[in-house]
Amino acid sequence: MPPRLPSLAGPAAAALDAVVSRLPTALLGAPKFFEAGWGDLSVVDFERDALMKAAAERESRMKRGDAGIPDPAAWLAPDPSTPPLTPRWATLEAGTRYGTPYRLLEAAFPSPAPEGVLRALPAASRVARARLLTPTDPRLGLGACVVHLAGTGDQGFGRRLALGAPLLPAGVATLVLESPYYNARRPPEQVGARLARVSDLFALGRATIGETLALLRWAATRGGFARLGVSGFSMGGVHAGMVAALAPGPAACAPLLAPRSARAAFCDGALWAATAWRPLTAPAHAGATSVRDAVLAAAAAAPAGSGAGAARLAAASDWPLAASAAGAAAAAGAPPGDAAAAAGAAAGAAAAAAGAPPAARAAAAARAGSAAADAAALGGARAPPFAAAAGAAAGAAAGGGSAGPAAARAALAAVLESYTDVTRFPVPSVPSATILVGATDDAYVGRASVEEWGAAWPGAEVRWVGGGHVSAFLTARPAFRGAILDAVARVPPLD
């Protein structure tokens, strides 16, 4: 195994995270995230998404007891939501590593993403590339194939192949997918890994999910592997969780330093300094889905996830109304408490006008009032403040007009909570085969975000390593490998 590096923990680790998040712009003049604004947020539509529907139906059957014991053979059955993949693998090298004969293969294939997502992807991103580091005998040991997904800025295959290579003796193959917008799939006008639009983040995620599910099905039906898994660092861990949630059969899941939703990094964590907030103060471009409509559309699609995920989605859907009401009250000089009350009253009145029963009206009012109160309370309590001063201008950012950066932060938080919250997705068929690894001093991903994810999936395990996002990535790889191995051992074999 590679040598263990000394760890960096405490305030120094968090400070390193803060410095690294600023370096590309400060030293290299790289653009910030989302400098072209929102884009068209309708690129992902949960209501018409076959993958979400299929997974929701599977979860419903399990809750009814129709499939209380997960069937590993579900991976082998035809699945119209995941088109069959027939990649042509070319051998790049072969030899022996860690005492195990291996082959390194590469394949390119058209992305199986839905048509709407394909249209949103730049031409360079529509062909996927993957590399497979596998024992020569796929039946060795665990006989597993684990797909490793890219974190933000992970432009090549090398880091993830290096993480997985020491698992060869245990019989675990490492399949590395190149993300859309990254490396050879990066559009020529994009600088580095900084996505130009919020909608690019959605297109990247939805394409990654479809491509990963197709690769896992290939591994199950044609690759000769007995167990399947998915892992990823940071953003890749979020996508890994979504893949495990939507998979037709059991899949191990090992998210590494990954948040419950992207809000943790962009709105509450170190990436707030790497985000261009001013362009997000404007509404989406003409003809595109507005921020307000995108949030409400996510709420309209039946939440299939855990109770906590459904509650957070409902709270996010109250944000446009709460922000508008609180904004009007704040503009009139009302103190924060009165602004929150105004938001709650507005939400309750809207629910009553829509014919909602009294209990639903009270719930809507409570959620909206809480959202506005949180925004007011956080106004100067911490940096970066989530939804700070949201009441002053977020109503404009929600549907039209312009607003300040604090309101843009509130708007982005609502959108990311609606579309990237893993707990809004169904619980995987074997949640006990999920092991999350968090870092104690991570300035990108707060501890609460990791714990909320773990609590939402019954039986999931949460492990902790010392350090921050950057330092743990460099020093905690033995712990990451241990989590991957243990998670894979918890899924039943396909045979």
Protein backbone atom coordinates (compact mmCIF):
# COMPACT_ATOMS: atom_id res chain seq x y z
CA MET A 1 0.00 0.00 0.00
CA PRO A 2 1.16 3.62 -0.54
CA PRO A 3 2.72 5.31 2.50
CA ARG A 4 0.45 7.17 4.91
CA LEU A 5 0.97 10.94 4.92
CA PRO A 6 0.76 13.08 8.07
CA SER A 7 -2.64 14.71 8.55
CA LEU A 8 -3.52 18.37 8.98
CA ALA A 9 -6.47 19.11 11.22
CA GLY A 10 -8.17 21.90 13.14
CA PRO A 11 -8.24 25.55 12.08
CA ALA A 12 -5.19 25.06 9.88
CA ALA A 13 -7.07 22.50 7.78
CA ALA A 14 -10.07 24.80 7.38
CA ALA A 15 -7.76 27.68 6.49
CA LEU A 16 -6.11 25.56 3.80
CA ASP A 17 -9.54 24.84 2.33
CA ALA A 18 -10.33 28.57 2.22
CA VAL A 19 -7.04 29.39 0.51
CA VAL A 20 -7.37 26.62 -2.08
CA SER A 21 -10.90 27.69 -2.98
CA ARG A 22 -9.59 31.15 -3.91
CA LEU A 23 -6.35 30.21 -5.67
CA PRO A 24 -7.59 29.66 -9.26
CA THR A 25 -9.06 33.16 -9.42
CA ALA A 26 -6.50 34.97 -7.26
CA LEU A 27 -3.35 33.54 -8.88
CA LEU A 28 -4.42 32.39 -12.33
CA GLY A 29 -7.19 34.83 -13.10
CA ALA A 30 -9.64 31.96 -13.65
CA PRO A 31 -13.33 32.89 -13.75
CA LYS A 32 -15.62 32.09 -10.85
CA PHE A 33 -18.47 29.62 -10.99
CA PHE A 34 -21.64 30.71 -12.79
CA GLU A 35 -20.35 33.92 -14.33
CA ALA A 36 -22.91 33.48 -17.14
CA GLY A 37 -25.76 33.32 -14.62
CA TRP A 38 -28.54 30.79 -14.21
CA GLY A 39 -28.89 29.36 -17.71
CA ASP A 40 -32.08 27.37 -18.35
CA LEU A 41 -32.97 25.54 -15.15
CA SER A 42 -35.54 23.31 -16.89
CA VAL A 43 -32.71 21.06 -18.12
CA VAL A 44 -33.60 18.57 -15.35
CA ASP A 45 -37.28 17.77 -14.89
CA PHE A 46 -38.01 15.27 -12.13
CA GLU A 47 -41.63 14.95 -13.18
CA ARG A 48 -40.77 13.55 -16.59
CA ASP A 49 -37.59 11.76 -15.52
CA ALA A 50 -38.01 8.00 -16.06
CA LEU A 51 -35.19 7.17 -13.66
CA MET A 52 -36.82 8.95 -10.73
CA LYS A 53 -40.18 7.35 -11.49
CA ALA A 54 -38.73 3.86 -11.76
CA ALA A 55 -36.86 4.25 -8.47
CA ALA A 56 -39.95 5.65 -6.73
CA GLU A 57 -41.99 2.66 -7.90
CA ARG A 58 -39.29 0.29 -6.61
CA GLU A 59 -39.27 1.99 -3.22
CA SER A 60 -43.06 1.89 -3.04
CA ARG A 61 -43.03 -1.86 -3.70
CA MET A 62 -40.43 -2.38 -0.98
CA LYS A 63 -42.48 -0.40 1.54
CA ARG A 64 -45.52 -2.55 0.72
CA GLY A 65 -43.45 -5.67 1.29
CA ASP A 66 -43.56 -6.76 -2.35
CA ALA A 67 -39.77 -6.82 -2.44
CA GLY A 68 -38.66 -6.66 1.16
CA ILE A 69 -35.45 -8.52 0.34
CA PRO A 70 -33.50 -6.74 -2.42
CA ASP A 71 -33.11 -8.89 -5.50
CA PRO A 72 -29.54 -8.70 -6.85
CA ALA A 73 -30.82 -10.01 -10.19
CA ALA A 74 -32.64 -6.72 -10.73
CA TRP A 75 -29.41 -5.54 -12.36
CA LEU A 76 -29.75 -8.33 -14.92
CA ALA A 77 -33.35 -7.54 -15.94
CA PRO A 78 -34.05 -5.17 -18.87
CA ASP A 79 -34.48 -1.59 -17.73
CA PRO A 80 -35.94 0.85 -20.29
CA SER A 81 -34.80 3.83 -18.20
CA THR A 82 -31.16 2.78 -18.61
CA PRO A 83 -30.34 1.98 -22.25
CA PRO A 84 -27.95 -0.97 -22.74
CA LEU A 85 -24.35 0.01 -23.26
CA THR A 86 -21.95 -1.76 -25.61
CA PRO A 87 -18.61 0.01 -25.15
CA ARG A 88 -15.62 -1.16 -27.14
CA TRP A 89 -12.80 -1.50 -24.65
CA ALA A 90 -9.24 -1.02 -25.88
CA THR A 91 -6.32 -2.22 -23.76
CA LEU A 92 -3.97 0.58 -22.73
CA GLU A 93 -1.65 -1.54 -20.63
CA ALA A 94 -1.38 -4.84 -18.80
CA GLY A 95 0.91 -6.13 -16.10
CA THR A 96 1.08 -6.77 -12.37
CA ARG A 97 0.34 -4.24 -9.61
CA TYR A 98 0.24 -4.99 -5.90
CA GLY A 99 0.94 -8.60 -6.80
CA THR A 100 -2.18 -8.87 -8.96
CA PRO A 101 -2.32 -9.31 -12.75
CA TYR A 102 -4.37 -6.47 -14.20
CA ARG A 103 -5.48 -4.73 -17.38
CA LEU A 104 -6.17 -1.04 -17.96
CA LEU A 105 -8.87 -0.50 -20.57
CA GLU A 106 -10.45 2.57 -22.14
CA ALA A 107 -13.72 3.07 -24.02
CA ALA A 108 -15.72 5.94 -25.48
CA PHE A 109 -19.48 5.82 -25.99
CA PRO A 110 -22.38 8.21 -26.71
CA SER A 111 -23.88 9.57 -23.52
CA PRO A 112 -27.21 7.87 -22.73
CA ALA A 113 -28.51 11.07 -21.12
CA PRO A 114 -32.12 12.08 -21.90
CA GLU A 115 -32.67 14.10 -25.06
CA GLY A 116 -33.25 17.36 -23.19
CA VAL A 117 -30.02 16.97 -21.27
CA LEU A 118 -28.10 16.05 -24.43
CA ARG A 119 -29.30 19.26 -26.08
CA ALA A 120 -28.07 21.23 -23.08
CA LEU A 121 -24.66 19.57 -23.08
CA PRO A 122 -21.95 21.15 -25.24
CA ALA A 123 -20.95 19.02 -28.23
CA ALA A 124 -17.67 18.03 -26.57
CA SER A 125 -19.56 16.51 -23.61
CA ARG A 126 -21.92 14.27 -25.56
CA VAL A 127 -19.40 11.45 -25.92
CA ALA A 128 -18.38 9.83 -22.64
CA ARG A 129 -15.01 8.29 -21.85
CA ALA A 130 -14.16 5.76 -19.18
CA ARG A 131 -11.17 3.74 -18.01
CA LEU A 132 -11.36 0.38 -16.28
CA LEU A 133 -8.56 -0.94 -14.07
CA THR A 134 -9.48 -4.55 -13.47
CA PRO A 135 -7.91 -7.75 -12.24
CA THR A 136 -7.30 -10.05 -15.20
CA ASP A 137 -9.69 -12.50 -13.52
CA PRO A 138 -12.85 -10.51 -12.61
CA ARG A 139 -13.91 -13.35 -10.26
CA LEU A 140 -10.95 -12.73 -7.96
CA GLY A 141 -11.86 -12.02 -4.33
CA LEU A 142 -14.98 -9.86 -4.06
CA GLY A 143 -15.39 -9.83 -7.83
CA ALA A 144 -16.59 -6.23 -7.64
CA CYS A 145 -16.66 -3.26 -9.98
CA VAL A 146 -16.82 0.19 -8.38
CA VAL A 147 -17.43 3.31 -10.50
CA HIS A 148 -15.48 6.32 -9.20
CA LEU A 149 -17.02 9.71 -10.02
CA ALA A 150 -15.17 13.02 -10.28
CA GLY A 151 -15.12 15.71 -7.67
CA THR A 152 -15.08 19.38 -8.62
CA GLY A 153 -11.92 20.06 -10.62
CA ASP A 154 -10.88 16.42 -11.06
CA GLN A 155 -10.06 16.72 -14.74
CA GLY A 156 -8.41 13.39 -15.52
CA PHE A 157 -8.40 9.70 -14.65
CA GLY A 158 -5.17 9.56 -12.62
CA ARG A 159 -6.32 10.49 -9.11
CA ARG A 160 -9.19 8.02 -9.02
CA LEU A 161 -7.18 5.23 -10.62
CA ALA A 162 -4.50 5.78 -7.97
CA LEU A 163 -7.16 5.55 -5.23
CA GLY A 164 -8.53 2.30 -6.61
CA ALA A 165 -5.36 0.51 -7.69
CA PRO A 166 -4.49 -0.86 -4.21
CA LEU A 167 -7.90 -2.58 -4.18
CA LEU A 168 -6.86 -4.94 -6.99
CA PRO A 169 -5.71 -7.75 -4.63
CA ALA A 170 -9.15 -7.73 -2.99
CA GLY A 171 -10.77 -8.32 -6.36
CA VAL A 172 -12.19 -4.79 -6.77
CA ALA A 173 -12.01 -3.20 -10.21
CA THR A 174 -11.96 0.59 -10.54
CA LEU A 175 -14.06 2.10 -13.33
CA VAL A 176 -13.39 5.83 -13.77
CA LEU A 177 -15.88 7.96 -15.70
CA GLU A 178 -14.77 11.27 -17.19
CA SER A 179 -17.35 13.91 -16.28
CA PRO A 180 -19.10 16.12 -18.81
CA TYR A 181 -17.50 19.59 -18.96
CA TYR A 182 -14.16 18.13 -17.80
CA ASN A 183 -10.91 17.26 -19.58
CA ALA A 184 -11.60 15.96 -23.11
CA ARG A 185 -15.32 16.64 -22.57
CA ARG A 186 -14.75 20.29 -21.69
CA PRO A 187 -16.17 22.86 -24.12
CA PRO A 188 -13.41 24.99 -25.69
CA GLU A 189 -14.73 28.23 -24.21
CA GLN A 190 -14.68 26.91 -20.63
CA VAL A 191 -11.68 27.77 -18.45
CA GLY A 192 -10.68 24.92 -16.18
CA ALA A 193 -13.49 23.33 -14.18
CA ARG A 194 -15.45 26.52 -13.51
CA LEU A 195 -18.94 25.95 -14.94
CA ALA A 196 -20.39 29.03 -16.60
CA ARG A 197 -24.05 28.51 -15.63
CA VAL A 198 -25.99 26.91 -12.80
CA SER A 199 -27.84 24.84 -15.42
CA ASP A 200 -24.46 23.38 -16.48
CA LEU A 201 -24.17 21.87 -12.99
CA PHE A 202 -27.55 20.21 -13.44
CA ALA A 203 -26.73 18.93 -16.94
CA LEU A 204 -23.39 17.55 -15.69
CA GLY A 205 -25.10 15.74 -12.83
CA ARG A 206 -27.97 14.25 -14.81
CA ALA A 207 -25.66 13.03 -17.59
CA THR A 208 -23.26 11.55 -15.04
CA ILE A 209 -26.09 9.63 -13.35
CA GLY A 210 -27.29 8.13 -16.63
CA GLU A 211 -23.80 7.22 -17.79
CA THR A 212 -22.91 5.62 -14.46
CA LEU A 213 -26.07 3.52 -14.33
CA ALA A 214 -25.38 2.34 -17.88
CA LEU A 215 -21.81 1.40 -16.95
CA LEU A 216 -22.97 -0.50 -13.87
CA ARG A 217 -25.51 -2.42 -15.94
CA TRP A 218 -22.72 -3.30 -18.40
CA ALA A 219 -20.60 -4.50 -15.48
CA ALA A 220 -23.46 -6.68 -14.25
CA THR A 221 -24.52 -8.15 -17.58
CA ARG A 222 -21.35 -8.27 -19.68
CA GLY A 223 -18.39 -7.47 -17.45
CA GLY A 224 -18.53 -10.64 -15.41
CA PHE A 225 -18.57 -8.87 -12.02
CA ALA A 226 -20.45 -10.28 -9.04
CA ARG A 227 -20.87 -7.08 -7.01
CA LEU A 228 -21.38 -3.44 -7.95
CA GLY A 229 -20.59 -0.17 -6.24
CA VAL A 230 -20.16 3.54 -6.75
CA SER A 231 -17.97 6.08 -5.01
CA GLY A 232 -16.80 9.63 -5.46
CA PHE A 233 -15.10 12.54 -3.76
CA SER A 234 -17.07 15.72 -2.95
CA MET A 235 -19.38 16.42 -5.92
CA GLY A 236 -18.64 12.90 -7.15
CA GLY A 237 -19.90 11.55 -3.84
CA VAL A 238 -23.20 13.41 -4.26
CA HIS A 239 -23.61 11.85 -7.71
CA ALA A 240 -22.65 8.45 -6.28
CA GLY A 241 -25.48 8.72 -3.77
CA MET A 242 -27.97 9.60 -6.49
CA VAL A 243 -26.82 6.64 -8.59
CA ALA A 244 -27.22 4.24 -5.66
CA ALA A 245 -30.67 5.67 -4.99
CA LEU A 246 -31.81 5.22 -8.60
CA ALA A 247 -30.13 1.87 -9.26
CA PRO A 248 -32.50 -0.99 -10.13
CA GLY A 249 -30.52 -3.43 -7.97
CA PRO A 250 -28.21 -3.39 -4.94
CA ALA A 251 -25.14 -1.16 -5.22
CA ALA A 252 -22.54 -0.32 -2.60
CA CYS A 253 -22.08 3.40 -2.05
CA ALA A 254 -19.05 5.17 -0.56
CA PRO A 255 -19.40 8.98 -0.71
CA LEU A 256 -16.12 10.59 0.34
CA LEU A 257 -16.21 14.08 1.89
CA ALA A 258 -19.54 14.60 0.15
CA PRO A 259 -22.42 16.84 1.29
CA ARG A 260 -26.12 16.10 1.37
CA SER A 261 -26.63 18.77 -1.27
CA ALA A 262 -24.46 21.17 -3.27
CA ARG A 263 -25.77 24.03 -1.15
CA ALA A 264 -23.27 23.02 1.54
CA ALA A 265 -20.29 23.90 -0.66
CA PHE A 266 -21.60 26.83 -2.71
CA CYS A 267 -23.76 28.67 -0.17
CA ASP A 268 -22.46 27.63 3.25
CA GLY A 269 -18.93 26.44 2.51
CA ALA A 270 -15.66 27.49 0.95
CA LEU A 271 -16.95 27.63 -2.64
CA TRP A 272 -19.03 30.71 -1.83
CA ALA A 273 -15.84 32.71 -2.43
CA ALA A 274 -15.39 31.03 -5.82
CA THR A 275 -18.95 31.80 -6.96
CA ALA A 276 -19.90 34.82 -9.07
CA TRP A 277 -22.89 36.14 -7.14
CA ARG A 278 -23.56 39.27 -9.15
CA PRO A 279 -24.74 37.41 -12.30
CA LEU A 280 -27.15 35.44 -10.11
CA THR A 281 -28.90 38.60 -9.02
CA ALA A 282 -30.53 38.76 -12.46
CA PRO A 283 -33.40 36.51 -13.52
CA ALA A 284 -32.87 33.62 -15.91
CA HIS A 285 -32.53 34.68 -19.54
CA ALA A 286 -35.60 35.31 -21.67
CA GLY A 287 -37.51 32.14 -22.50
CA ALA A 288 -35.79 30.09 -19.82
CA THR A 289 -37.31 28.69 -16.65
CA SER A 290 -37.07 31.23 -13.84
CA VAL A 291 -35.53 30.51 -10.47
CA ARG A 292 -38.93 30.66 -8.81
CA ASP A 293 -40.53 28.31 -11.34
CA ALA A 294 -37.63 25.86 -11.11
CA VAL A 295 -38.01 25.59 -7.33
CA LEU A 296 -41.78 25.19 -7.52
CA ALA A 297 -41.49 22.62 -10.33
CA ALA A 298 -39.23 20.48 -8.16
CA ALA A 299 -41.81 20.63 -5.38
CA ALA A 300 -44.62 19.73 -7.78
CA ALA A 301 -42.90 16.47 -8.72
CA ALA A 302 -43.88 13.98 -6.04
CA PRO A 303 -40.98 13.71 -3.55
CA ALA A 304 -39.84 10.11 -3.51
CA GLY A 305 -37.20 10.43 -0.83
CA SER A 306 -37.09 10.19 2.92
CA GLY A 307 -39.31 12.16 5.23
CA ALA A 308 -36.47 14.58 5.97
CA GLY A 309 -35.79 15.06 2.27
CA ALA A 310 -39.45 15.75 1.55
CA ALA A 311 -39.57 18.28 4.39
CA ARG A 312 -36.50 20.11 3.13
CA LEU A 313 -37.96 20.19 -0.37
CA ALA A 314 -41.18 21.66 0.99
CA ALA A 315 -39.22 24.31 2.87
CA ALA A 316 -37.30 25.21 -0.29
CA SER A 317 -40.55 25.52 -2.23
CA ASP A 318 -41.80 28.07 0.31
CA TRP A 319 -38.73 30.24 -0.27
CA PRO A 320 -40.01 32.43 -3.16
CA LEU A 321 -43.15 33.44 -1.27
CA ALA A 322 -41.38 33.82 2.06
CA ALA A 323 -38.65 35.96 0.49
CA SER A 324 -41.15 38.21 -1.29
CA ALA A 325 -43.28 38.79 1.80
CA ALA A 326 -40.29 39.30 4.08
CA GLY A 327 -38.76 41.61 1.50
CA ALA A 328 -41.82 43.81 1.38
CA ALA A 329 -41.93 43.99 5.17
CA ALA A 330 -38.22 44.69 5.46
CA ALA A 331 -38.40 47.38 2.82
CA ALA A 332 -41.13 49.05 4.84
CA GLY A 333 -38.81 49.12 7.85
CA ALA A 334 -40.25 46.18 9.77
CA PRO A 335 -37.93 44.43 12.24
CA PRO A 336 -36.81 40.89 11.42
CA GLY A 337 -39.45 39.22 13.58
CA ASP A 338 -42.27 41.12 11.89
CA ALA A 339 -40.80 40.32 8.47
CA ALA A 340 -40.86 36.63 9.31
CA ALA A 341 -44.44 36.89 10.50
CA ALA A 342 -45.37 38.59 7.26
CA ALA A 343 -43.83 35.75 5.29
CA GLY A 344 -45.74 33.17 7.30
CA ALA A 345 -49.01 35.01 6.90
CA ALA A 346 -48.49 35.30 3.16
CA ALA A 347 -47.80 31.59 2.81
CA GLY A 348 -50.85 30.69 4.86
CA ALA A 349 -53.06 33.00 2.84
CA ALA A 350 -51.79 31.55 -0.41
CA ALA A 351 -52.48 28.03 0.82
CA ALA A 352 -55.98 29.02 1.84
CA ALA A 353 -56.61 30.59 -1.57
CA ALA A 354 -55.53 27.35 -3.18
CA GLY A 355 -58.08 25.42 -1.12
CA ALA A 356 -55.63 23.80 1.25
CA PRO A 357 -57.00 22.34 4.50
CA PRO A 358 -56.26 24.20 7.77
CA ALA A 359 -53.41 21.87 8.74
CA ALA A 360 -51.68 22.45 5.39
CA ARG A 361 -52.15 26.22 5.73
CA ALA A 362 -50.54 26.18 9.17
CA ALA A 363 -47.65 24.07 7.94
CA ALA A 364 -47.03 26.39 4.99
CA ALA A 365 -47.12 29.43 7.24
CA ALA A 366 -44.74 27.85 9.75
CA ARG A 367 -42.24 26.83 7.09
CA ALA A 368 -42.29 30.21 5.39
CA GLY A 369 -42.02 32.10 8.66
CA SER A 370 -39.14 29.89 9.71
CA ALA A 371 -37.38 30.44 6.41
CA ALA A 372 -37.64 34.20 6.72
CA ALA A 373 -36.63 34.14 10.38
CA ASP A 374 -33.59 32.03 9.53
CA ALA A 375 -32.65 34.50 6.83
CA ALA A 376 -32.90 37.41 9.24
CA ALA A 377 -31.09 35.61 12.05
CA LEU A 378 -28.25 34.59 9.77
CA GLY A 379 -27.85 38.07 8.40
CA GLY A 380 -24.69 38.76 10.38
CA ALA A 381 -24.21 35.60 12.38
CA ARG A 382 -21.64 33.84 10.23
CA ALA A 383 -19.68 34.05 7.03
CA PRO A 384 -20.82 33.23 4.45
CA PRO A 385 -24.41 33.90 5.55
CA PHE A 386 -26.91 31.56 3.91
CA ALA A 387 -29.86 33.64 2.78
CA ALA A 388 -28.50 36.73 4.53
CA ALA A 389 -30.87 39.63 3.85
CA ALA A 390 -32.97 37.32 1.67
CA GLY A 391 -36.07 39.19 2.73
CA ALA A 392 -34.73 42.43 1.30
CA ALA A 393 -34.52 41.35 -2.31
CA ALA A 394 -34.91 37.63 -2.98
CA GLY A 395 -38.40 38.14 -4.33
CA ALA A 396 -36.89 40.01 -7.26
CA ALA A 397 -34.34 37.29 -7.87
CA ALA A 398 -37.09 34.68 -7.75
CA GLY A 399 -39.03 35.84 -10.73
CA GLY A 400 -37.90 39.06 -12.29
CA GLY A 401 -35.94 42.20 -11.60
CA SER A 402 -32.61 42.24 -9.83
CA ALA A 403 -31.37 41.87 -6.29
CA GLY A 404 -28.22 41.88 -4.20
CA PRO A 405 -25.65 39.10 -3.76
CA ALA A 406 -27.16 38.00 -0.43
CA ALA A 407 -30.50 37.40 -2.11
CA ALA A 408 -28.75 35.59 -4.96
CA ARG A 409 -27.20 33.32 -2.37
CA ALA A 410 -30.65 32.58 -0.97
CA ALA A 411 -31.97 31.87 -4.45
CA LEU A 412 -29.11 29.51 -5.26
CA ALA A 413 -29.57 27.73 -1.94
CA ALA A 414 -33.26 27.13 -2.70
CA VAL A 415 -32.47 25.79 -6.17
CA LEU A 416 -29.68 23.50 -4.95
CA GLU A 417 -31.80 22.20 -2.08
CA SER A 418 -34.55 21.41 -4.59
CA TYR A 419 -32.44 19.61 -7.18
CA THR A 420 -29.23 18.32 -5.57
CA ASP A 421 -30.39 17.08 -2.16
CA VAL A 422 -29.61 13.36 -2.08
CA THR A 423 -32.24 12.75 0.60
CA ARG A 424 -34.89 13.91 -1.85
CA PHE A 425 -34.10 10.76 -3.85
CA PRO A 426 -35.39 7.27 -2.93
CA VAL A 427 -33.50 5.30 -0.30
CA PRO A 428 -31.23 2.67 -1.95
CA SER A 429 -32.37 -0.93 -1.90
CA VAL A 430 -29.53 -1.80 0.51
CA PRO A 431 -28.90 1.39 2.52
CA SER A 432 -26.66 -0.51 4.95
CA ALA A 433 -24.17 -0.86 2.08
CA THR A 434 -23.59 2.91 2.23
CA ILE A 435 -20.57 4.21 4.15
CA LEU A 436 -20.09 7.98 4.18
CA VAL A 437 -16.71 9.42 5.12
CA GLY A 438 -16.61 13.00 6.40
CA ALA A 439 -13.74 15.21 7.56
CA THR A 440 -13.83 16.84 10.97
CA ASP A 441 -12.58 20.25 9.82
CA ASP A 442 -13.98 20.44 6.29
CA ALA A 443 -14.62 24.04 5.21
CA TYR A 444 -16.34 22.89 2.00
CA VAL A 445 -18.71 20.32 3.50
CA GLY A 446 -20.06 20.98 6.98
CA ARG A 447 -20.42 18.16 9.47
CA ALA A 448 -24.20 18.62 9.69
CA SER A 449 -24.65 18.00 5.96
CA VAL A 450 -22.89 14.62 6.20
CA GLU A 451 -24.81 13.63 9.32
CA GLU A 452 -28.16 14.57 7.76
CA TRP A 453 -27.46 12.30 4.82
CA GLY A 454 -26.49 9.41 7.07
CA ALA A 455 -29.61 9.84 9.19
CA ALA A 456 -31.86 9.80 6.10
CA TRP A 457 -30.73 6.34 4.93
CA PRO A 458 -31.50 3.72 7.60
CA GLY A 459 -28.50 1.54 8.31
CA ALA A 460 -26.00 3.80 6.55
CA GLU A 461 -22.72 4.29 8.39
CA VAL A 462 -20.90 7.59 8.86
CA ARG A 463 -17.15 7.56 9.48
CA TRP A 464 -14.88 10.50 10.26
CA VAL A 465 -11.29 11.31 9.38
CA GLY A 466 -9.21 14.19 10.66
CA GLY A 467 -8.49 17.21 8.51
CA GLY A 468 -10.23 19.47 6.03
CA HIS A 469 -11.46 18.91 2.50
CA VAL A 470 -8.04 19.32 0.90
CA SER A 471 -5.84 17.80 3.58
CA ALA A 472 -8.08 14.74 4.07
CA PHE A 473 -8.12 14.16 0.31
CA LEU A 474 -4.33 13.95 0.46
CA THR A 475 -3.90 11.99 3.69
CA ALA A 476 -7.01 9.85 4.31
CA ARG A 477 -6.90 7.57 1.28
CA PRO A 478 -6.42 4.39 3.36
CA ALA A 479 -9.67 5.27 5.16
CA PHE A 480 -11.39 5.90 1.84
CA ARG A 481 -10.29 2.53 0.51
CA GLY A 482 -11.44 0.86 3.71
CA ALA A 483 -14.90 2.40 3.32
CA ILE A 484 -15.14 1.23 -0.29
CA LEU A 485 -14.12 -2.33 0.60
CA ASP A 486 -16.49 -2.55 3.56
CA ALA A 487 -19.41 -1.13 1.58
CA VAL A 488 -18.85 -3.58 -1.29
CA ALA A 489 -18.75 -6.50 1.15
CA ARG A 490 -22.25 -5.55 2.36
CA VAL A 491 -24.03 -5.95 -1.00
CA PRO A 492 -25.21 -9.39 -2.07
CA PRO A 493 -23.53 -10.95 -5.11
CA LEU A 494 -25.41 -11.10 -8.38
CA ASP A 495 -25.12 -14.90 -8.68
